């Protein structure tokens, strides 16, 4: 499965970059395939390991905050792995054929 998520604390000031960095650190230390862009971090793994990482990332980002916002989108496709790169590669191949 792929999970794209964004997490941010509320009530901690104008910038959330420090909190987001704490969440991304949890993701990177998890060992799951991952990618972070300007809006989301995407991870790949099975349901339990992905949800555990999302939970721990929320806890890390929300440390010291009274509220945390989580946006999550999941692509649940049993039996498929390598889709973090595979989905992008297939689109790029189609673009190259145009």
PDB file of N, CA and C in Angstrom:
ATOM      1  N   UNK A   1       0.839  -1.178   0.000  1.00  0.00           N
ATOM      2  CA  UNK A   1       0.000   0.000   0.000  1.00  0.00           C
ATOM      3  C   UNK A   1       0.880   1.235   0.000  1.00  0.00           C
ATOM      4  N   UNK A   2       0.339   2.294  -0.552  1.00  0.00           N
ATOM      5  CA  UNK A   2       0.972   3.603  -0.490  1.00  0.00           C
ATOM      6  C   UNK A   2       0.105   4.498   0.385  1.00  0.00           C
ATOM      7  N   UNK A   3       0.753   5.268   1.245  1.00  0.00           N
ATOM      8  CA  UNK A   3       0.047   6.272   2.028  1.00  0.00           C
ATOM      9  C   UNK A   3       0.765   7.598   1.838  1.00  0.00           C
ATOM     10  N   UNK A   4       0.022   8.579   1.354  1.00  0.00           N
ATOM     11  CA  UNK A   4       0.519   9.951   1.274  1.00  0.00           C
ATOM     12  C   UNK A   4      -0.140  10.702   2.428  1.00  0.00           C
ATOM     13  N   UNK A   5       0.684  11.364   3.230  1.00  0.00           N
ATOM     14  CA  UNK A   5       0.102  12.080   4.357  1.00  0.00           C
ATOM     15  C   UNK A   5       0.840  13.374   4.630  1.00  0.00           C
ATOM     16  N   UNK A   6       0.103  14.266   5.275  1.00  0.00           N
ATOM     17  CA  UNK A   6       0.624  15.557   5.701  1.00  0.00           C
ATOM     18  C   UNK A   6       0.180  15.756   7.137  1.00  0.00           C
ATOM     19  N   UNK A   7       1.102  16.144   7.979  1.00  0.00           N
ATOM     20  CA  UNK A   7       0.785  16.342   9.393  1.00  0.00           C
ATOM     21  C   UNK A   7       1.342  17.697   9.829  1.00  0.00           C
ATOM     22  N   UNK A   8       0.555  18.410  10.624  1.00  0.00           N
ATOM     23  CA  UNK A   8       0.995  19.717  11.123  1.00  0.00           C
ATOM     24  C   UNK A   8       0.337  20.000  12.466  1.00  0.00           C
ATOM     25  N   UNK A   9       1.107  20.542  13.405  1.00  0.00           N
ATOM     26  CA  UNK A   9       0.524  20.920  14.693  1.00  0.00           C
ATOM     27  C   UNK A   9      -0.215  22.246  14.573  1.00  0.00           C
ATOM     28  N   UNK A  10      -1.112  22.487  15.487  1.00  0.00           N
ATOM     29  CA  UNK A  10      -1.817  23.769  15.556  1.00  0.00           C
ATOM     30  C   UNK A  10      -1.402  24.492  16.829  1.00  0.00           C
ATOM     31  N   UNK A  11      -1.397  25.812  16.748  1.00  0.00           N
ATOM     32  CA  UNK A  11      -1.133  26.620  17.920  1.00  0.00           C
ATOM     33  C   UNK A  11       0.330  26.720  18.306  1.00  0.00           C
ATOM     34  N   UNK A  12       1.222  26.493  17.332  1.00  0.00           N
ATOM     35  CA  UNK A  12       2.657  26.549  17.646  1.00  0.00           C
ATOM     36  C   UNK A  12       3.371  27.665  16.900  1.00  0.00           C
ATOM     37  N   UNK A  13       2.614  28.593  16.309  1.00  0.00           N
ATOM     38  CA  UNK A  13       3.222  29.705  15.593  1.00  0.00           C
ATOM     39  C   UNK A  13       3.004  29.592  14.103  1.00  0.00           C
ATOM     40  N   UNK A  14       3.632  30.508  13.366  1.00  0.00           N
ATOM     41  CA  UNK A  14       3.428  30.592  11.922  1.00  0.00           C
ATOM     42  C   UNK A  14       4.092  29.464  11.144  1.00  0.00           C
ATOM     43  N   UNK A  15       5.249  29.024  11.565  1.00  0.00           N
ATOM     44  CA  UNK A  15       5.997  28.001  10.832  1.00  0.00           C
ATOM     45  C   UNK A  15       5.846  26.643  11.493  1.00  0.00           C
ATOM     46  N   UNK A  16       5.666  25.631  10.668  1.00  0.00           N
ATOM     47  CA  UNK A  16       5.581  24.262  11.184  1.00  0.00           C
ATOM     48  C   UNK A  16       6.748  23.415  10.692  1.00  0.00           C
ATOM     49  N   UNK A  17       7.764  24.039  10.114  1.00  0.00           N
ATOM     50  CA  UNK A  17       8.860  23.271   9.511  1.00  0.00           C
ATOM     51  C   UNK A  17       9.614  22.417  10.531  1.00  0.00           C
ATOM     52  N   UNK A  18       9.797  22.900  11.739  1.00  0.00           N
ATOM     53  CA  UNK A  18      10.475  22.085  12.750  1.00  0.00           C
ATOM     54  C   UNK A  18       9.661  20.833  13.082  1.00  0.00           C
ATOM     55  N   UNK A  19       8.366  21.008  13.246  1.00  0.00           N
ATOM     56  CA  UNK A  19       7.496  19.870  13.561  1.00  0.00           C
ATOM     57  C   UNK A  19       7.431  18.894  12.395  1.00  0.00           C
ATOM     58  N   UNK A  20       7.350  19.409  11.181  1.00  0.00           N
ATOM     59  CA  UNK A  20       7.324  18.545  10.004  1.00  0.00           C
ATOM     60  C   UNK A  20       8.632  17.773   9.890  1.00  0.00           C
ATOM     61  N   UNK A  21       9.740  18.418  10.186  1.00  0.00           N
ATOM     62  CA  UNK A  21      11.035  17.727  10.144  1.00  0.00           C
ATOM     63  C   UNK A  21      11.070  16.568  11.141  1.00  0.00           C
ATOM     64  N   UNK A  22      10.468  16.750  12.294  1.00  0.00           N
ATOM     65  CA  UNK A  22      10.411  15.664  13.273  1.00  0.00           C
ATOM     66  C   UNK A  22       9.595  14.490  12.731  1.00  0.00           C
ATOM     67  N   UNK A  23       8.499  14.794  12.054  1.00  0.00           N
ATOM     68  CA  UNK A  23       7.670  13.740  11.467  1.00  0.00           C
ATOM     69  C   UNK A  23       8.410  13.014  10.346  1.00  0.00           C
ATOM     70  N   UNK A  24       9.078  13.768   9.498  1.00  0.00           N
ATOM     71  CA  UNK A  24       9.821  13.166   8.391  1.00  0.00           C
ATOM     72  C   UNK A  24      10.973  12.313   8.922  1.00  0.00           C
ATOM     73  N   UNK A  25      11.587  12.734  10.009  1.00  0.00           N
ATOM     74  CA  UNK A  25      12.658  11.931  10.609  1.00  0.00           C
ATOM     75  C   UNK A  25      12.123  10.556  11.031  1.00  0.00           C
ATOM     76  N   UNK A  26      10.929  10.525  11.622  1.00  0.00           N
ATOM     77  CA  UNK A  26      10.305   9.254  11.995  1.00  0.00           C
ATOM     78  C   UNK A  26      10.125   8.376  10.759  1.00  0.00           C
ATOM     79  N   UNK A  27       9.642   8.972   9.683  1.00  0.00           N
ATOM     80  CA  UNK A  27       9.432   8.227   8.438  1.00  0.00           C
ATOM     81  C   UNK A  27      10.748   7.666   7.922  1.00  0.00           C
ATOM     82  N   UNK A  28      11.757   8.490   7.838  1.00  0.00           N
ATOM     83  CA  UNK A  28      13.045   8.044   7.283  1.00  0.00           C
ATOM     84  C   UNK A  28      13.699   6.981   8.151  1.00  0.00           C
ATOM     85  N   UNK A  29      13.551   7.088   9.452  1.00  0.00           N
ATOM     86  CA  UNK A  29      14.132   6.092  10.348  1.00  0.00           C
ATOM     87  C   UNK A  29      13.347   4.784  10.362  1.00  0.00           C
ATOM     88  N   UNK A  30      12.142   4.790   9.794  1.00  0.00           N
ATOM     89  CA  UNK A  30      11.311   3.582   9.773  1.00  0.00           C
ATOM     90  C   UNK A  30      11.867   2.514   8.839  1.00  0.00           C
ATOM     91  N   UNK A  31      12.639   2.933   7.845  1.00  0.00           N
ATOM     92  CA  UNK A  31      13.154   1.988   6.868  1.00  0.00           C
ATOM     93  C   UNK A  31      12.197   1.700   5.724  1.00  0.00           C
ATOM     94  N   UNK A  32      10.972   2.229   5.785  1.00  0.00           N
ATOM     95  CA  UNK A  32      10.033   2.036   4.683  1.00  0.00           C
ATOM     96  C   UNK A  32      10.442   2.904   3.500  1.00  0.00           C
ATOM     97  N   UNK A  33      10.190   2.438   2.279  1.00  0.00           N
ATOM     98  CA  UNK A  33      10.401   3.308   1.128  1.00  0.00           C
ATOM     99  C   UNK A  33       9.560   4.570   1.315  1.00  0.00           C
ATOM    100  N   UNK A  34      10.145   5.731   1.030  1.00  0.00           N
ATOM    101  CA  UNK A  34       9.419   6.982   1.257  1.00  0.00           C
ATOM    102  C   UNK A  34       9.917   8.076   0.339  1.00  0.00           C
ATOM    103  N   UNK A  35       9.094   9.078   0.206  1.00  0.00           N
ATOM    104  CA  UNK A  35       9.428  10.267  -0.585  1.00  0.00           C
ATOM    105  C   UNK A  35       8.697  11.448   0.027  1.00  0.00           C
ATOM    106  N   UNK A  36       9.391  12.563   0.191  1.00  0.00           N
ATOM    107  CA  UNK A  36       8.787  13.777   0.729  1.00  0.00           C
ATOM    108  C   UNK A  36       8.863  14.872  -0.328  1.00  0.00           C
ATOM    109  N   UNK A  37       7.735  15.560  -0.537  1.00  0.00           N
ATOM    110  CA  UNK A  37       7.732  16.717  -1.428  1.00  0.00           C
ATOM    111  C   UNK A  37       7.177  17.917  -0.660  1.00  0.00           C
ATOM    112  N   UNK A  38       6.840  18.960  -1.334  1.00  0.00           N
ATOM    113  CA  UNK A  38       6.419  20.195  -0.668  1.00  0.00           C
ATOM    114  C   UNK A  38       5.098  20.063   0.090  1.00  0.00           C
ATOM    115  N   UNK A  39       4.285  19.073  -0.259  1.00  0.00           N
ATOM    116  CA  UNK A  39       2.961  18.964   0.343  1.00  0.00           C
ATOM    117  C   UNK A  39       2.720  17.692   1.152  1.00  0.00           C
ATOM    118  N   UNK A  40       3.352  16.583   0.764  1.00  0.00           N
ATOM    119  CA  UNK A  40       3.078  15.296   1.394  1.00  0.00           C
ATOM    120  C   UNK A  40       4.337  14.473   1.548  1.00  0.00           C
ATOM    121  N   UNK A  41       4.273  13.516   2.447  1.00  0.00           N
ATOM    122  CA  UNK A  41       5.251  12.443   2.526  1.00  0.00           C
ATOM    123  C   UNK A  41       4.507  11.170   2.167  1.00  0.00           C
ATOM    124  N   UNK A  42       5.086  10.375   1.273  1.00  0.00           N
ATOM    125  CA  UNK A  42       4.476   9.118   0.852  1.00  0.00           C
ATOM    126  C   UNK A  42       5.346   7.975   1.340  1.00  0.00           C
ATOM    127  N   UNK A  43       4.697   6.962   1.907  1.00  0.00           N
ATOM    128  CA  UNK A  43       5.401   5.773   2.379  1.00  0.00           C
ATOM    129  C   UNK A  43       4.776   4.549   1.734  1.00  0.00           C
ATOM    130  N   UNK A  44       5.558   3.464   1.671  1.00  0.00           N
ATOM    131  CA  UNK A  44       5.064   2.219   1.093  1.00  0.00           C
ATOM    132  C   UNK A  44       5.361   1.066   2.039  1.00  0.00           C
ATOM    133  N   UNK A  45       4.352   0.230   2.271  1.00  0.00           N
ATOM    134  CA  UNK A  45       4.516  -0.937   3.122  1.00  0.00           C
ATOM    135  C   UNK A  45       3.173  -1.591   3.341  1.00  0.00           C
ATOM    136  N   UNK A  46       3.090  -2.478   4.328  1.00  0.00           N
ATOM    137  CA  UNK A  46       1.790  -3.086   4.607  1.00  0.00           C
ATOM    138  C   UNK A  46       1.010  -2.189   5.571  1.00  0.00           C
ATOM    139  N   UNK A  47      -0.250  -2.516   5.740  1.00  0.00           N
ATOM    140  CA  UNK A  47      -1.175  -1.678   6.509  1.00  0.00           C
ATOM    141  C   UNK A  47      -0.631  -1.338   7.896  1.00  0.00           C
ATOM    142  N   UNK A  48      -0.264  -2.362   8.650  1.00  0.00           N
ATOM    143  CA  UNK A  48       0.143  -2.144  10.038  1.00  0.00           C
ATOM    144  C   UNK A  48       1.409  -1.315  10.156  1.00  0.00           C
ATOM    145  N   UNK A  49       2.410  -1.598   9.319  1.00  0.00           N
ATOM    146  CA  UNK A  49       3.652  -0.833   9.436  1.00  0.00           C
ATOM    147  C   UNK A  49       3.460   0.609   8.979  1.00  0.00           C
ATOM    148  N   UNK A  50       2.663   0.828   7.929  1.00  0.00           N
ATOM    149  CA  UNK A  50       2.417   2.202   7.481  1.00  0.00           C
ATOM    150  C   UNK A  50       1.647   3.001   8.527  1.00  0.00           C
ATOM    151  N   UNK A  51       0.595   2.402   9.081  1.00  0.00           N
ATOM    152  CA  UNK A  51      -0.206   3.124  10.069  1.00  0.00           C
ATOM    153  C   UNK A  51       0.591   3.402  11.343  1.00  0.00           C
ATOM    154  N   UNK A  52       1.480   2.493  11.700  1.00  0.00           N
ATOM    155  CA  UNK A  52       2.346   2.729  12.854  1.00  0.00           C
ATOM    156  C   UNK A  52       3.244   3.942  12.602  1.00  0.00           C
ATOM    157  N   UNK A  53       3.804   4.037  11.402  1.00  0.00           N
ATOM    158  CA  UNK A  53       4.671   5.173  11.078  1.00  0.00           C
ATOM    159  C   UNK A  53       3.868   6.469  11.078  1.00  0.00           C
ATOM    160  N   UNK A  54       2.678   6.461  10.502  1.00  0.00           N
ATOM    161  CA  UNK A  54       1.835   7.661  10.489  1.00  0.00           C
ATOM    162  C   UNK A  54       1.521   8.092  11.924  1.00  0.00           C
ATOM    163  N   UNK A  55       1.172   7.135  12.766  1.00  0.00           N
ATOM    164  CA  UNK A  55       0.866   7.460  14.170  1.00  0.00           C
ATOM    165  C   UNK A  55       2.073   8.084  14.857  1.00  0.00           C
ATOM    166  N   UNK A  56       3.242   7.463  14.693  1.00  0.00           N
ATOM    167  CA  UNK A  56       4.437   7.991  15.353  1.00  0.00           C
ATOM    168  C   UNK A  56       4.848   9.345  14.778  1.00  0.00           C
ATOM    169  N   UNK A  57       4.640   9.559  13.491  1.00  0.00           N
ATOM    170  CA  UNK A  57       4.937  10.858  12.869  1.00  0.00           C
ATOM    171  C   UNK A  57       4.010  11.933  13.431  1.00  0.00           C
ATOM    172  N   UNK A  58       2.754  11.596  13.629  1.00  0.00           N
ATOM    173  CA  UNK A  58       1.809  12.549  14.226  1.00  0.00           C
ATOM    174  C   UNK A  58       2.217  12.895  15.652  1.00  0.00           C
ATOM    175  N   UNK A  59       2.617  11.892  16.411  1.00  0.00           N
ATOM    176  CA  UNK A  59       3.056  12.133  17.784  1.00  0.00           C
ATOM    177  C   UNK A  59       4.293  13.020  17.806  1.00  0.00           C
ATOM    178  N   UNK A  60       5.223  12.778  16.896  1.00  0.00           N
ATOM    179  CA  UNK A  60       6.450  13.583  16.853  1.00  0.00           C
ATOM    180  C   UNK A  60       6.145  15.024  16.460  1.00  0.00           C
ATOM    181  N   UNK A  61       5.323  15.199  15.434  1.00  0.00           N
ATOM    182  CA  UNK A  61       4.995  16.554  14.969  1.00  0.00           C
ATOM    183  C   UNK A  61       4.175  17.312  16.000  1.00  0.00           C
ATOM    184  N   UNK A  62       3.362  16.584  16.748  1.00  0.00           N
ATOM    185  CA  UNK A  62       2.471  17.234  17.699  1.00  0.00           C
ATOM    186  C   UNK A  62       3.024  17.413  19.094  1.00  0.00           C
ATOM    187  N   UNK A  63       4.258  16.998  19.319  1.00  0.00           N
ATOM    188  CA  UNK A  63       4.856  17.148  20.651  1.00  0.00           C
ATOM    189  C   UNK A  63       4.803  18.618  21.071  1.00  0.00           C
ATOM    190  N   UNK A  64       4.132  18.891  22.156  1.00  0.00           N
ATOM    191  CA  UNK A  64       4.031  20.259  22.656  1.00  0.00           C
ATOM    192  C   UNK A  64       2.868  21.045  22.077  1.00  0.00           C
ATOM    193  N   UNK A  65       2.115  20.452  21.173  1.00  0.00           N
ATOM    194  CA  UNK A  65       0.964  21.133  20.589  1.00  0.00           C
ATOM    195  C   UNK A  65      -0.320  20.553  21.167  1.00  0.00           C
ATOM    196  N   UNK A  66      -1.340  21.349  21.212  1.00  0.00           N
ATOM    197  CA  UNK A  66      -2.619  20.881  21.731  1.00  0.00           C
ATOM    198  C   UNK A  66      -3.472  20.196  20.683  1.00  0.00           C
ATOM    199  N   UNK A  67      -3.074  20.334  19.407  1.00  0.00           N
ATOM    200  CA  UNK A  67      -3.876  19.782  18.316  1.00  0.00           C
ATOM    201  C   UNK A  67      -2.974  19.486  17.137  1.00  0.00           C
ATOM    202  N   UNK A  68      -3.301  18.417  16.408  1.00  0.00           N
ATOM    203  CA  UNK A  68      -2.546  18.032  15.211  1.00  0.00           C
ATOM    204  C   UNK A  68      -3.529  17.781  14.075  1.00  0.00           C
ATOM    205  N   UNK A  69      -3.194  18.282  12.903  1.00  0.00           N
ATOM    206  CA  UNK A  69      -3.996  18.041  11.707  1.00  0.00           C
ATOM    207  C   UNK A  69      -3.307  16.979  10.856  1.00  0.00           C
ATOM    208  N   UNK A  70      -4.073  15.987  10.414  1.00  0.00           N
ATOM    209  CA  UNK A  70      -3.554  14.923   9.565  1.00  0.00           C
ATOM    210  C   UNK A  70      -4.422  14.813   8.323  1.00  0.00           C
ATOM    211  N   UNK A  71      -3.779  14.853   7.151  1.00  0.00           N
ATOM    212  CA  UNK A  71      -4.437  14.583   5.876  1.00  0.00           C
ATOM    213  C   UNK A  71      -3.792  13.316   5.345  1.00  0.00           C
ATOM    214  N   UNK A  72      -4.603  12.323   4.988  1.00  0.00           N
ATOM    215  CA  UNK A  72      -4.071  11.032   4.576  1.00  0.00           C
ATOM    216  C   UNK A  72      -4.828  10.515   3.361  1.00  0.00           C
ATOM    217  N   UNK A  73      -4.071  10.001   2.397  1.00  0.00           N
ATOM    218  CA  UNK A  73      -4.653   9.347   1.222  1.00  0.00           C
ATOM    219  C   UNK A  73      -3.934   8.023   1.056  1.00  0.00           C
ATOM    220  N   UNK A  74      -4.688   6.933   0.854  1.00  0.00           N
ATOM    221  CA  UNK A  74      -4.088   5.611   0.752  1.00  0.00           C
ATOM    222  C   UNK A  74      -4.485   4.936  -0.558  1.00  0.00           C
ATOM    223  N   UNK A  75      -3.527   4.215  -1.129  1.00  0.00           N
ATOM    224  CA  UNK A  75      -3.759   3.353  -2.285  1.00  0.00           C
ATOM    225  C   UNK A  75      -3.526   1.929  -1.794  1.00  0.00           C
ATOM    226  N   UNK A  76      -4.605   1.228  -1.518  1.00  0.00           N
ATOM    227  CA  UNK A  76      -4.533  -0.124  -0.953  1.00  0.00           C
ATOM    228  C   UNK A  76      -4.656  -1.113  -2.100  1.00  0.00           C
ATOM    229  N   UNK A  77      -3.530  -1.741  -2.429  1.00  0.00           N
ATOM    230  CA  UNK A  77      -3.475  -2.644  -3.577  1.00  0.00           C
ATOM    231  C   UNK A  77      -2.664  -3.878  -3.199  1.00  0.00           C
ATOM    232  N   UNK A  78      -3.299  -4.850  -2.564  1.00  0.00           N
ATOM    233  CA  UNK A  78      -2.588  -6.045  -2.102  1.00  0.00           C
ATOM    234  C   UNK A  78      -1.817  -6.734  -3.230  1.00  0.00           C
ATOM    235  N   UNK A  79      -0.631  -7.216  -2.869  1.00  0.00           N
ATOM    236  CA  UNK A  79       0.180  -7.963  -3.819  1.00  0.00           C
ATOM    237  C   UNK A  79       1.076  -7.116  -4.696  1.00  0.00           C
ATOM    238  N   UNK A  80       1.031  -5.819  -4.546  1.00  0.00           N
ATOM    239  CA  UNK A  80       1.869  -4.926  -5.355  1.00  0.00           C
ATOM    240  C   UNK A  80       2.896  -4.241  -4.464  1.00  0.00           C
ATOM    241  N   UNK A  81       4.131  -4.262  -4.886  1.00  0.00           N
ATOM    242  CA  UNK A  81       5.205  -3.555  -4.195  1.00  0.00           C
ATOM    243  C   UNK A  81       5.978  -2.746  -5.226  1.00  0.00           C
ATOM    244  N   UNK A  82       6.806  -1.847  -4.756  1.00  0.00           N
ATOM    245  CA  UNK A  82       7.593  -1.014  -5.663  1.00  0.00           C
ATOM    246  C   UNK A  82       6.778   0.042  -6.379  1.00  0.00           C
ATOM    247  N   UNK A  83       5.601   0.322  -5.864  1.00  0.00           N
ATOM    248  CA  UNK A  83       4.719   1.268  -6.541  1.00  0.00           C
ATOM    249  C   UNK A  83       5.072   2.731  -6.271  1.00  0.00           C
ATOM    250  N   UNK A  84       5.871   2.993  -5.259  1.00  0.00           N
ATOM    251  CA  UNK A  84       6.311   4.364  -5.002  1.00  0.00           C
ATOM    252  C   UNK A  84       7.013   4.911  -6.238  1.00  0.00           C
ATOM    253  N   UNK A  85       7.809   4.078  -6.873  1.00  0.00           N
ATOM    254  CA  UNK A  85       8.477   4.457  -8.122  1.00  0.00           C
ATOM    255  C   UNK A  85       7.713   3.970  -9.343  1.00  0.00           C
ATOM    256  N   UNK A  86       7.070   2.811  -9.234  1.00  0.00           N
ATOM    257  CA  UNK A  86       6.401   2.205 -10.378  1.00  0.00           C
ATOM    258  C   UNK A  86       5.302   3.056 -10.973  1.00  0.00           C
ATOM    259  N   UNK A  87       4.476   3.664 -10.146  1.00  0.00           N
ATOM    260  CA  UNK A  87       3.382   4.492 -10.652  1.00  0.00           C
ATOM    261  C   UNK A  87       3.917   5.696 -11.421  1.00  0.00           C
ATOM    262  N   UNK A  88       4.965   6.306 -10.891  1.00  0.00           N
ATOM    263  CA  UNK A  88       5.562   7.470 -11.554  1.00  0.00           C
ATOM    264  C   UNK A  88       6.219   7.043 -12.867  1.00  0.00           C
ATOM    265  N   UNK A  89       6.937   5.929 -12.842  1.00  0.00           N
ATOM    266  CA  UNK A  89       7.617   5.432 -14.041  1.00  0.00           C
ATOM    267  C   UNK A  89       6.620   5.178 -15.177  1.00  0.00           C
ATOM    268  N   UNK A  90       5.465   4.583 -14.867  1.00  0.00           N
ATOM    269  CA  UNK A  90       4.487   4.294 -15.905  1.00  0.00           C
ATOM    270  C   UNK A  90       3.930   5.576 -16.532  1.00  0.00           C
ATOM    271  N   UNK A  91       3.711   6.592 -15.732  1.00  0.00           N
ATOM    272  CA  UNK A  91       3.249   7.869 -16.272  1.00  0.00           C
ATOM    273  C   UNK A  91       4.316   8.512 -17.147  1.00  0.00           C
ATOM    274  N   UNK A  92       5.571   8.486 -16.669  1.00  0.00           N
ATOM    275  CA  UNK A  92       6.673   9.054 -17.451  1.00  0.00           C
ATOM    276  C   UNK A  92       6.831   8.322 -18.780  1.00  0.00           C
ATOM    277  N   UNK A  93       6.655   7.007 -18.783  1.00  0.00           N
ATOM    278  CA  UNK A  93       6.737   6.241 -20.033  1.00  0.00           C
ATOM    279  C   UNK A  93       5.670   6.670 -21.014  1.00  0.00           C
ATOM    280  N   UNK A  94       4.471   6.900 -20.516  1.00  0.00           N
ATOM    281  CA  UNK A  94       3.377   7.349 -21.391  1.00  0.00           C
ATOM    282  C   UNK A  94       3.629   8.754 -21.910  1.00  0.00           C
ATOM    283  N   UNK A  95       4.198   9.601 -21.098  1.00  0.00           N
ATOM    284  CA  UNK A  95       4.537  10.950 -21.542  1.00  0.00           C
ATOM    285  C   UNK A  95       5.597  10.919 -22.627  1.00  0.00           C
ATOM    286  N   UNK A  96       6.567  10.011 -22.480  1.00  0.00           N
ATOM    287  CA  UNK A  96       7.639   9.894 -23.479  1.00  0.00           C
ATOM    288  C   UNK A  96       7.107   9.361 -24.805  1.00  0.00           C
ATOM    289  N   UNK A  97       6.036   8.577 -24.759  1.00  0.00           N
ATOM    290  CA  UNK A  97       5.442   8.026 -25.980  1.00  0.00           C
ATOM    291  C   UNK A  97       4.634   9.061 -26.750  1.00  0.00           C
ATOM    292  N   UNK A  98       4.298  10.150 -26.098  1.00  0.00           N
ATOM    293  CA  UNK A  98       3.436  11.175 -26.737  1.00  0.00           C
ATOM    294  C   UNK A  98       4.181  12.010 -27.735  1.00  0.00           C
TER     295      UNK A  98
END
